[in-house]
Amino acid sequence: MISKPARLKHKPYPTCMVASLLVWMLLFSSSAFAYLGPGAGLGMLGSLIAIAVVMLVVVLGLIVYPLRMLKKRRMQAKLKNGDGVALNP
C-alpha cells in the first residue's frame, strides 16, 4: 500500500525558494556565447569605475564627517573654557 506524502506543517519561506531557484539556474545554465563589443565593454568598465568611486566617497564621508563634528565640538569646548586662542581680538 502506498502512503500519502507527508504534509508540511509550515509554508516554505519565499527567500529560500528564490535562493534555491537562483542556485538551480546557476548550476544548470548553458553558455550563451555572447559577444561583448568594445563599445559595450568600455561603457560597462566606466560604470564599474563610477560605482567604485561612489562607494569610496560614501565610505570616506562616513568616516570624515563624524571626525569633523568631533573636532568642531572640541574646539567649541576649548573656546568656552578659555583654553583656546581667540580668533577675533
PDB file of N, CA and C in Angstrom:
ATOM      1  N   MET A   1       0.838  -1.168   0.000  1.00  0.00           N
ATOM      2  CA  MET A   1       0.000   0.000   0.000  1.00  0.00           C
ATOM      3  C   MET A   1       0.890   1.241   0.000  1.00  0.00           C
ATOM      4  N   ILE A   2       0.576   2.191  -0.837  1.00  0.00           N
ATOM      5  CA  ILE A   2       1.355   3.418  -0.954  1.00  0.00           C
ATOM      6  C   ILE A   2       0.763   4.459  -0.015  1.00  0.00           C
ATOM      7  N   SER A   3       1.619   5.022   0.810  1.00  0.00           N
ATOM      8  CA  SER A   3       1.128   6.026   1.752  1.00  0.00           C
ATOM      9  C   SER A   3       1.162   7.404   1.109  1.00  0.00           C
ATOM     10  N   LYS A   4       0.365   8.282   1.670  1.00  0.00           N
ATOM     11  CA  LYS A   4       0.321   9.654   1.177  1.00  0.00           C
ATOM     12  C   LYS A   4       1.568  10.393   1.625  1.00  0.00           C
ATOM     13  N   PRO A   5       2.045  11.338   0.797  1.00  0.00           N
ATOM     14  CA  PRO A   5       3.223  12.101   1.216  1.00  0.00           C
ATOM     15  C   PRO A   5       2.902  12.960   2.435  1.00  0.00           C
ATOM     16  N   ALA A   6       3.889  13.132   3.279  1.00  0.00           N
ATOM     17  CA  ALA A   6       3.698  13.922   4.500  1.00  0.00           C
ATOM     18  C   ALA A   6       3.481  15.380   4.137  1.00  0.00           C
ATOM     19  N   ARG A   7       2.530  16.012   4.822  1.00  0.00           N
ATOM     20  CA  ARG A   7       2.262  17.431   4.580  1.00  0.00           C
ATOM     21  C   ARG A   7       3.201  18.272   5.438  1.00  0.00           C
ATOM     22  N   LEU A   8       3.649  19.362   4.849  1.00  0.00           N
ATOM     23  CA  LEU A   8       4.499  20.277   5.600  1.00  0.00           C
ATOM     24  C   LEU A   8       3.651  21.033   6.608  1.00  0.00           C
ATOM     25  N   LYS A   9       4.192  21.221   7.798  1.00  0.00           N
ATOM     26  CA  LYS A   9       3.461  21.958   8.818  1.00  0.00           C
ATOM     27  C   LYS A   9       3.576  23.459   8.625  1.00  0.00           C
ATOM     28  N   HIS A  10       4.543  23.881   7.835  1.00  0.00           N
ATOM     29  CA  HIS A  10       4.723  25.308   7.566  1.00  0.00           C
ATOM     30  C   HIS A  10       4.983  25.507   6.082  1.00  0.00           C
ATOM     31  N   LYS A  11       4.728  26.705   5.629  1.00  0.00           N
ATOM     32  CA  LYS A  11       4.994  27.019   4.229  1.00  0.00           C
ATOM     33  C   LYS A  11       6.473  27.350   4.079  1.00  0.00           C
ATOM     34  N   PRO A  12       7.081  26.970   2.957  1.00  0.00           N
ATOM     35  CA  PRO A  12       8.487  27.320   2.757  1.00  0.00           C
ATOM     36  C   PRO A  12       8.628  28.843   2.609  1.00  0.00           C
ATOM     37  N   TYR A  13       9.729  29.361   3.119  1.00  0.00           N
ATOM     38  CA  TYR A  13       9.965  30.793   3.063  1.00  0.00           C
ATOM     39  C   TYR A  13      10.215  31.225   1.615  1.00  0.00           C
ATOM     40  N   PRO A  14       9.686  32.388   1.218  1.00  0.00           N
ATOM     41  CA  PRO A  14       9.896  32.854  -0.159  1.00  0.00           C
ATOM     42  C   PRO A  14      11.370  33.093  -0.477  1.00  0.00           C
ATOM     43  N   THR A  15      12.150  33.572   0.491  1.00  0.00           N
ATOM     44  CA  THR A  15      13.564  33.817   0.215  1.00  0.00           C
ATOM     45  C   THR A  15      14.303  32.512  -0.039  1.00  0.00           C
ATOM     46  N   CYS A  16      13.930  31.459   0.670  1.00  0.00           N
ATOM     47  CA  CYS A  16      14.558  30.158   0.437  1.00  0.00           C
ATOM     48  C   CYS A  16      14.200  29.633  -0.944  1.00  0.00           C
ATOM     49  N   MET A  17      12.975  29.867  -1.342  1.00  0.00           N
ATOM     50  CA  MET A  17      12.542  29.416  -2.659  1.00  0.00           C
ATOM     51  C   MET A  17      13.295  30.170  -3.754  1.00  0.00           C
ATOM     52  N   VAL A  18      13.439  31.484  -3.593  1.00  0.00           N
ATOM     53  CA  VAL A  18      14.143  32.293  -4.591  1.00  0.00           C
ATOM     54  C   VAL A  18      15.614  31.907  -4.629  1.00  0.00           C
ATOM     55  N   ALA A  19      16.218  31.713  -3.457  1.00  0.00           N
ATOM     56  CA  ALA A  19      17.632  31.341  -3.405  1.00  0.00           C
ATOM     57  C   ALA A  19      17.858  29.987  -4.057  1.00  0.00           C
ATOM     58  N   SER A  20      16.983  29.031  -3.790  1.00  0.00           N
ATOM     59  CA  SER A  20      17.153  27.708  -4.394  1.00  0.00           C
ATOM     60  C   SER A  20      16.939  27.772  -5.900  1.00  0.00           C
ATOM     61  N   LEU A  21      16.035  28.623  -6.358  1.00  0.00           N
ATOM     62  CA  LEU A  21      15.831  28.790  -7.790  1.00  0.00           C
ATOM     63  C   LEU A  21      17.063  29.400  -8.443  1.00  0.00           C
ATOM     64  N   LEU A  22      17.670  30.396  -7.810  1.00  0.00           N
ATOM     65  CA  LEU A  22      18.878  31.015  -8.367  1.00  0.00           C
ATOM     66  C   LEU A  22      20.039  30.030  -8.412  1.00  0.00           C
ATOM     67  N   VAL A  23      20.199  29.229  -7.353  1.00  0.00           N
ATOM     68  CA  VAL A  23      21.259  28.228  -7.345  1.00  0.00           C
ATOM     69  C   VAL A  23      21.014  27.206  -8.443  1.00  0.00           C
ATOM     70  N   TRP A  24      19.794  26.771  -8.598  1.00  0.00           N
ATOM     71  CA  TRP A  24      19.455  25.805  -9.637  1.00  0.00           C
ATOM     72  C   TRP A  24      19.752  26.381 -11.012  1.00  0.00           C
ATOM     73  N   MET A  25      19.402  27.657 -11.229  1.00  0.00           N
ATOM     74  CA  MET A  25      19.645  28.292 -12.523  1.00  0.00           C
ATOM     75  C   MET A  25      21.144  28.428 -12.809  1.00  0.00           C
ATOM     76  N   LEU A  26      21.940  28.716 -11.766  1.00  0.00           N
ATOM     77  CA  LEU A  26      23.380  28.835 -11.965  1.00  0.00           C
ATOM     78  C   LEU A  26      24.031  27.482 -12.255  1.00  0.00           C
ATOM     79  N   LEU A  27      23.553  26.445 -11.595  1.00  0.00           N
ATOM     80  CA  LEU A  27      24.160  25.132 -11.774  1.00  0.00           C
ATOM     81  C   LEU A  27      23.814  24.509 -13.123  1.00  0.00           C
ATOM     82  N   PHE A  28      22.623  24.753 -13.610  1.00  0.00           N
ATOM     83  CA  PHE A  28      22.165  24.077 -14.810  1.00  0.00           C
ATOM     84  C   PHE A  28      22.004  25.013 -16.002  1.00  0.00           C
ATOM     85  N   SER A  29      22.744  26.112 -16.019  1.00  0.00           N
ATOM     86  CA  SER A  29      22.642  27.032 -17.150  1.00  0.00           C
ATOM     87  C   SER A  29      23.623  26.611 -18.238  1.00  0.00           C
ATOM     88  N   SER A  30      23.327  27.021 -19.454  1.00  0.00           N
ATOM     89  CA  SER A  30      24.224  26.728 -20.568  1.00  0.00           C
ATOM     90  C   SER A  30      24.920  28.015 -21.001  1.00  0.00           C
ATOM     91  N   SER A  31      25.972  27.872 -21.749  1.00  0.00           N
ATOM     92  CA  SER A  31      26.731  29.029 -22.199  1.00  0.00           C
ATOM     93  C   SER A  31      25.956  29.786 -23.268  1.00  0.00           C
ATOM     94  N   ALA A  32      26.094  31.112 -23.253  1.00  0.00           N
ATOM     95  CA  ALA A  32      25.367  31.931 -24.222  1.00  0.00           C
ATOM     96  C   ALA A  32      26.216  32.238 -25.433  1.00  0.00           C
ATOM     97  N   PHE A  33      27.532  32.191 -25.314  1.00  0.00           N
ATOM     98  CA  PHE A  33      28.454  32.538 -26.387  1.00  0.00           C
ATOM     99  C   PHE A  33      28.143  33.913 -26.961  1.00  0.00           C
ATOM    100  N   ALA A  34      27.917  34.867 -26.078  1.00  0.00           N
ATOM    101  CA  ALA A  34      27.572  36.218 -26.493  1.00  0.00           C
ATOM    102  C   ALA A  34      28.853  37.014 -26.718  1.00  0.00           C
ATOM    103  N   TYR A  35      28.803  37.936 -27.662  1.00  0.00           N
ATOM    104  CA  TYR A  35      29.941  38.794 -27.972  1.00  0.00           C
ATOM    105  C   TYR A  35      29.738  40.137 -27.293  1.00  0.00           C
ATOM    106  N   LEU A  36      30.757  40.573 -26.595  1.00  0.00           N
ATOM    107  CA  LEU A  36      30.715  41.863 -25.934  1.00  0.00           C
ATOM    108  C   LEU A  36      31.687  42.768 -26.679  1.00  0.00           C
ATOM    109  N   GLY A  37      31.156  43.689 -27.463  1.00  0.00           N
ATOM    110  CA  GLY A  37      31.979  44.568 -28.279  1.00  0.00           C
ATOM    111  C   GLY A  37      32.719  45.601 -27.457  1.00  0.00           C
ATOM    112  N   PRO A  38      33.630  46.332 -28.111  1.00  0.00           N
ATOM    113  CA  PRO A  38      34.431  47.313 -27.382  1.00  0.00           C
ATOM    114  C   PRO A  38      33.601  48.475 -26.840  1.00  0.00           C
ATOM    115  N   GLY A  39      32.572  48.877 -27.524  1.00  0.00           N
ATOM    116  CA  GLY A  39      31.733  49.980 -27.047  1.00  0.00           C
ATOM    117  C   GLY A  39      30.994  49.619 -25.780  1.00  0.00           C
ATOM    118  N   ALA A  40      30.391  48.444 -25.780  1.00  0.00           N
ATOM    119  CA  ALA A  40      29.662  47.995 -24.596  1.00  0.00           C
ATOM    120  C   ALA A  40      30.631  47.691 -23.455  1.00  0.00           C
ATOM    121  N   GLY A  41      31.794  47.156 -23.787  1.00  0.00           N
ATOM    122  CA  GLY A  41      32.791  46.854 -22.763  1.00  0.00           C
ATOM    123  C   GLY A  41      33.310  48.110 -22.093  1.00  0.00           C
ATOM    124  N   LEU A  42      33.588  49.152 -22.871  1.00  0.00           N
ATOM    125  CA  LEU A  42      34.054  50.405 -22.288  1.00  0.00           C
ATOM    126  C   LEU A  42      32.957  51.069 -21.456  1.00  0.00           C
ATOM    127  N   GLY A  43      31.726  50.975 -21.902  1.00  0.00           N
ATOM    128  CA  GLY A  43      30.613  51.516 -21.123  1.00  0.00           C
ATOM    129  C   GLY A  43      30.459  50.796 -19.794  1.00  0.00           C
ATOM    130  N   MET A  44      30.589  49.478 -19.834  1.00  0.00           N
ATOM    131  CA  MET A  44      30.489  48.691 -18.611  1.00  0.00           C
ATOM    132  C   MET A  44      31.660  49.004 -17.686  1.00  0.00           C
ATOM    133  N   LEU A  45      32.857  49.142 -18.240  1.00  0.00           N
ATOM    134  CA  LEU A  45      34.028  49.465 -17.433  1.00  0.00           C
ATOM    135  C   LEU A  45      33.869  50.842 -16.789  1.00  0.00           C
ATOM    136  N   GLY A  46      33.361  51.810 -17.539  1.00  0.00           N
ATOM    137  CA  GLY A  46      33.122  53.141 -16.981  1.00  0.00           C
ATOM    138  C   GLY A  46      32.097  53.110 -15.860  1.00  0.00           C
ATOM    139  N   SER A  47      31.066  52.319 -16.024  1.00  0.00           N
ATOM    140  CA  SER A  47      30.042  52.201 -14.982  1.00  0.00           C
ATOM    141  C   SER A  47      30.613  51.560 -13.723  1.00  0.00           C
ATOM    142  N   LEU A  48      31.439  50.530 -13.882  1.00  0.00           N
ATOM    143  CA  LEU A  48      32.040  49.884 -12.725  1.00  0.00           C
ATOM    144  C   LEU A  48      32.985  50.831 -11.988  1.00  0.00           C
ATOM    145  N   ILE A  49      33.733  51.633 -12.729  1.00  0.00           N
ATOM    146  CA  ILE A  49      34.621  52.611 -12.099  1.00  0.00           C
ATOM    147  C   ILE A  49      33.800  53.652 -11.357  1.00  0.00           C
ATOM    148  N   ALA A  50      32.703  54.101 -11.947  1.00  0.00           N
ATOM    149  CA  ALA A  50      31.846  55.095 -11.291  1.00  0.00           C
ATOM    150  C   ALA A  50      31.251  54.530 -10.006  1.00  0.00           C
ATOM    151  N   ILE A  51      30.811  53.298 -10.028  1.00  0.00           N
ATOM    152  CA  ILE A  51      30.245  52.676  -8.830  1.00  0.00           C
ATOM    153  C   ILE A  51      31.313  52.557  -7.745  1.00  0.00           C
ATOM    154  N   ALA A  52      32.541  52.192  -8.134  1.00  0.00           N
ATOM    155  CA  ALA A  52      33.625  52.071  -7.155  1.00  0.00           C
ATOM    156  C   ALA A  52      33.954  53.425  -6.538  1.00  0.00           C
ATOM    157  N   VAL A  53      33.972  54.483  -7.347  1.00  0.00           N
ATOM    158  CA  VAL A  53      34.263  55.825  -6.836  1.00  0.00           C
ATOM    159  C   VAL A  53      33.162  56.284  -5.887  1.00  0.00           C
ATOM    160  N   VAL A  54      31.918  56.032  -6.237  1.00  0.00           N
ATOM    161  CA  VAL A  54      30.802  56.421  -5.371  1.00  0.00           C
ATOM    162  C   VAL A  54      30.890  55.692  -4.034  1.00  0.00           C
ATOM    163  N   MET A  55      31.201  54.404  -4.056  1.00  0.00           N
ATOM    164  CA  MET A  55      31.317  53.653  -2.815  1.00  0.00           C
ATOM    165  C   MET A  55      32.468  54.185  -1.962  1.00  0.00           C
ATOM    166  N   LEU A  56      33.584  54.558  -2.594  1.00  0.00           N
ATOM    167  CA  LEU A  56      34.718  55.119  -1.870  1.00  0.00           C
ATOM    168  C   LEU A  56      34.352  56.452  -1.233  1.00  0.00           C
ATOM    169  N   VAL A  57      33.638  57.308  -1.964  1.00  0.00           N
ATOM    170  CA  VAL A  57      33.223  58.603  -1.430  1.00  0.00           C
ATOM    171  C   VAL A  57      32.265  58.423  -0.257  1.00  0.00           C
ATOM    172  N   VAL A  58      31.366  57.478  -0.352  1.00  0.00           N
ATOM    173  CA  VAL A  58      30.422  57.225   0.738  1.00  0.00           C
ATOM    174  C   VAL A  58      31.161  56.759   1.990  1.00  0.00           C
ATOM    175  N   VAL A  59      32.082  55.824   1.822  1.00  0.00           N
ATOM    176  CA  VAL A  59      32.826  55.317   2.980  1.00  0.00           C
ATOM    177  C   VAL A  59      33.664  56.432   3.594  1.00  0.00           C
ATOM    178  N   LEU A  60      34.365  57.214   2.778  1.00  0.00           N
ATOM    179  CA  LEU A  60      35.146  58.321   3.304  1.00  0.00           C
ATOM    180  C   LEU A  60      34.260  59.362   3.974  1.00  0.00           C
ATOM    181  N   GLY A  61      33.085  59.601   3.414  1.00  0.00           N
ATOM    182  CA  GLY A  61      32.148  60.538   4.027  1.00  0.00           C
ATOM    183  C   GLY A  61      31.672  60.067   5.387  1.00  0.00           C
ATOM    184  N   LEU A  62      31.457  58.761   5.505  1.00  0.00           N
ATOM    185  CA  LEU A  62      31.024  58.215   6.794  1.00  0.00           C
ATOM    186  C   LEU A  62      32.131  58.273   7.836  1.00  0.00           C
ATOM    187  N   ILE A  63      33.369  58.322   7.388  1.00  0.00           N
ATOM    188  CA  ILE A  63      34.486  58.406   8.323  1.00  0.00           C
ATOM    189  C   ILE A  63      34.828  59.862   8.628  1.00  0.00           C
ATOM    190  N   VAL A  64      34.886  60.714   7.613  1.00  0.00           N
ATOM    191  CA  VAL A  64      35.369  62.083   7.778  1.00  0.00           C
ATOM    192  C   VAL A  64      34.344  62.977   8.472  1.00  0.00           C
ATOM    193  N   TYR A  65      33.083  62.875   8.148  1.00  0.00           N
ATOM    194  CA  TYR A  65      32.071  63.768   8.706  1.00  0.00           C
ATOM    195  C   TYR A  65      31.999  63.684  10.242  1.00  0.00           C
ATOM    196  N   PRO A  66      31.937  62.506  10.836  1.00  0.00           N
ATOM    197  CA  PRO A  66      31.933  62.460  12.311  1.00  0.00           C
ATOM    198  C   PRO A  66      33.216  63.023  12.923  1.00  0.00           C
ATOM    199  N   LEU A  67      34.353  62.805  12.273  1.00  0.00           N
ATOM    200  CA  LEU A  67      35.598  63.368  12.782  1.00  0.00           C
ATOM    201  C   LEU A  67      35.581  64.898  12.746  1.00  0.00           C
ATOM    202  N   ARG A  68      35.021  65.473  11.710  1.00  0.00           N
ATOM    203  CA  ARG A  68      34.906  66.928  11.626  1.00  0.00           C
ATOM    204  C   ARG A  68      33.999  67.474  12.722  1.00  0.00           C
ATOM    205  N   MET A  69      32.892  66.783  12.970  1.00  0.00           N
ATOM    206  CA  MET A  69      31.979  67.232  14.020  1.00  0.00           C
ATOM    207  C   MET A  69      32.645  67.122  15.400  1.00  0.00           C
ATOM    208  N   LEU A  70      33.412  66.053  15.620  1.00  0.00           N
ATOM    209  CA  LEU A  70      34.124  65.881  16.878  1.00  0.00           C
ATOM    210  C   LEU A  70      35.158  66.989  17.074  1.00  0.00           C
ATOM    211  N   LYS A  71      35.877  67.312  16.007  1.00  0.00           N
ATOM    212  CA  LYS A  71      36.871  68.389  16.070  1.00  0.00           C
ATOM    213  C   LYS A  71      36.208  69.730  16.363  1.00  0.00           C
ATOM    214  N   LYS A  72      35.063  69.973  15.755  1.00  0.00           N
ATOM    215  CA  LYS A  72      34.336  71.219  15.970  1.00  0.00           C
ATOM    216  C   LYS A  72      33.862  71.327  17.422  1.00  0.00           C
ATOM    217  N   ARG A  73      33.346  70.225  17.966  1.00  0.00           N
ATOM    218  CA  ARG A  73      32.884  70.231  19.368  1.00  0.00           C
ATOM    219  C   ARG A  73      34.040  70.464  20.334  1.00  0.00           C
ATOM    220  N   ARG A  74      35.179  69.861  20.068  1.00  0.00           N
ATOM    221  CA  ARG A  74      36.342  70.065  20.932  1.00  0.00           C
ATOM    222  C   ARG A  74      36.812  71.515  20.885  1.00  0.00           C
ATOM    223  N   MET A  75      36.797  72.100  19.679  1.00  0.00           N
ATOM    224  CA  MET A  75      37.220  73.490  19.535  1.00  0.00           C
ATOM    225  C   MET A  75      36.259  74.411  20.275  1.00  0.00           C
ATOM    226  N   GLN A  76      34.961  74.146  20.179  1.00  0.00           N
ATOM    227  CA  GLN A  76      33.975  74.971  20.888  1.00  0.00           C
ATOM    228  C   GLN A  76      34.143  74.820  22.400  1.00  0.00           C
ATOM    229  N   ALA A  77      34.454  73.621  22.866  1.00  0.00           N
ATOM    230  CA  ALA A  77      34.657  73.409  24.295  1.00  0.00           C
ATOM    231  C   ALA A  77      35.904  74.149  24.782  1.00  0.00           C
ATOM    232  N   LYS A  78      36.960  74.153  23.970  1.00  0.00           N
ATOM    233  CA  LYS A  78      38.165  74.885  24.338  1.00  0.00           C
ATOM    234  C   LYS A  78      37.892  76.381  24.432  1.00  0.00           C
ATOM    235  N   LEU A  79      37.170  76.922  23.461  1.00  0.00           N
ATOM    236  CA  LEU A  79      36.863  78.352  23.461  1.00  0.00           C
ATOM    237  C   LEU A  79      35.948  78.707  24.630  1.00  0.00           C
ATOM    238  N   LYS A  80      35.039  77.806  24.981  1.00  0.00           N
ATOM    239  CA  LYS A  80      34.118  78.062  26.086  1.00  0.00           C
ATOM    240  C   LYS A  80      34.864  78.079  27.422  1.00  0.00           C
ATOM    241  N   ASN A  81      35.839  77.184  27.572  1.00  0.00           N
ATOM    242  CA  ASN A  81      36.607  77.112  28.806  1.00  0.00           C
ATOM    243  C   ASN A  81      37.723  78.147  28.862  1.00  0.00           C
ATOM    244  N   GLY A  82      38.001  78.835  27.786  1.00  0.00           N
ATOM    245  CA  GLY A  82      39.052  79.845  27.766  1.00  0.00           C
ATOM    246  C   GLY A  82      40.418  79.252  27.501  1.00  0.00           C
ATOM    247  N   ASP A  83      40.504  77.977  27.096  1.00  0.00           N
ATOM    248  CA  ASP A  83      41.796  77.340  26.825  1.00  0.00           C
ATOM    249  C   ASP A  83      42.313  77.650  25.420  1.00  0.00           C
ATOM    250  N   GLY A  84      41.407  77.967  24.526  1.00  0.00           N
ATOM    251  CA  GLY A  84      41.790  78.180  23.132  1.00  0.00           C
ATOM    252  C   GLY A  84      42.210  79.604  22.860  1.00  0.00           C
ATOM    253  N   VAL A  85      42.719  79.826  21.685  1.00  0.00           N
ATOM    254  CA  VAL A  85      43.136  81.163  21.254  1.00  0.00           C
ATOM    255  C   VAL A  85      41.945  81.823  20.599  1.00  0.00           C
ATOM    256  N   ALA A  86      41.696  83.056  20.953  1.00  0.00           N
ATOM    257  CA  ALA A  86      40.584  83.806  20.362  1.00  0.00           C
ATOM    258  C   ALA A  86      40.907  84.131  18.923  1.00  0.00           C
ATOM    259  N   LEU A  87      39.953  83.886  18.016  1.00  0.00           N
ATOM    260  CA  LEU A  87      40.181  84.159  16.620  1.00  0.00           C
ATOM    261  C   LEU A  87      40.078  85.644  16.309  1.00  0.00           C
ATOM    262  N   ASN A  88      39.138  86.339  16.901  1.00  0.00           N
ATOM    263  CA  ASN A  88      38.963  87.777  16.683  1.00  0.00           C
ATOM    264  C   ASN A  88      39.354  88.518  17.964  1.00  0.00           C
ATOM    265  N   PRO A  89      40.433  89.366  17.916  1.00  0.00           N
ATOM    266  CA  PRO A  89      40.861  90.055  19.129  1.00  0.00           C
ATOM    267  C   PRO A  89      39.906  91.164  19.520  1.00  0.00           C
TER     268      PRO A  89
END
